[in-house]
Amino acid sequence: MAKISQSQFSYLAKEEFEIM
């Protein structure tokens, strides 16, 4: 669970950063 959460968070953070 922690691994998946970290991976998803990293992907979301990158997407959000690009949008911003």
N, C-alpha and C. Protein backbone atom coordinates (compact mmCIF):
# COMPACT_ATOMS: atom_id res chain seq x y z
N MET A 1 0.85 -1.20 0.00
CA MET A 1 0.00 0.00 0.00
C MET A 1 0.89 1.26 0.00
N ALA A 2 1.87 1.27 0.86
CA ALA A 2 2.75 2.46 0.94
C ALA A 2 3.46 2.67 -0.39
N LYS A 3 3.94 1.58 -0.98
CA LYS A 3 4.65 1.72 -2.27
C LYS A 3 3.73 2.31 -3.34
N ILE A 4 2.53 1.75 -3.44
CA ILE A 4 1.59 2.25 -4.46
C ILE A 4 1.25 3.71 -4.17
N SER A 5 1.03 4.02 -2.90
CA SER A 5 0.66 5.40 -2.53
C SER A 5 1.78 6.36 -2.94
N GLN A 6 3.02 5.98 -2.67
CA GLN A 6 4.16 6.83 -3.02
C GLN A 6 4.23 7.02 -4.53
N SER A 7 4.06 5.93 -5.25
CA SER A 7 4.14 6.01 -6.72
C SER A 7 3.04 6.93 -7.25
N GLN A 8 1.83 6.73 -6.77
CA GLN A 8 0.71 7.55 -7.22
C GLN A 8 0.94 9.01 -6.84
N PHE A 9 1.42 9.25 -5.64
CA PHE A 9 1.65 10.62 -5.19
C PHE A 9 2.67 11.29 -6.09
N SER A 10 3.73 10.58 -6.41
CA SER A 10 4.79 11.15 -7.27
C SER A 10 4.19 11.52 -8.62
N TYR A 11 3.38 10.63 -9.19
CA TYR A 11 2.77 10.89 -10.50
C TYR A 11 1.83 12.10 -10.41
N LEU A 12 1.02 12.13 -9.37
CA LEU A 12 0.08 13.25 -9.21
C LEU A 12 0.84 14.55 -9.02
N ALA A 13 1.87 14.54 -8.20
CA ALA A 13 2.65 15.75 -7.94
C ALA A 13 3.25 16.26 -9.25
N LYS A 14 3.78 15.37 -10.08
CA LYS A 14 4.39 15.78 -11.34
C LYS A 14 3.32 16.40 -12.25
N GLU A 15 2.18 15.76 -12.34
CA GLU A 15 1.10 16.27 -13.20
C GLU A 15 0.66 17.65 -12.70
N GLU A 16 0.46 17.77 -11.40
CA GLU A 16 0.01 19.05 -10.84
C GLU A 16 1.07 20.12 -11.08
N PHE A 17 2.31 19.78 -10.87
CA PHE A 17 3.40 20.75 -11.05
C PHE A 17 3.41 21.24 -12.49
N GLU A 18 3.25 20.33 -13.43
CA GLU A 18 3.27 20.71 -14.85
C GLU A 18 2.09 21.64 -15.15
N ILE A 19 0.92 21.32 -14.62
CA ILE A 19 -0.27 22.15 -14.86
C ILE A 19 -0.03 23.55 -14.28
N MET A 20 0.52 23.60 -13.06
CA MET A 20 0.78 24.88 -12.41
C MET A 20 1.85 25.62 -13.20
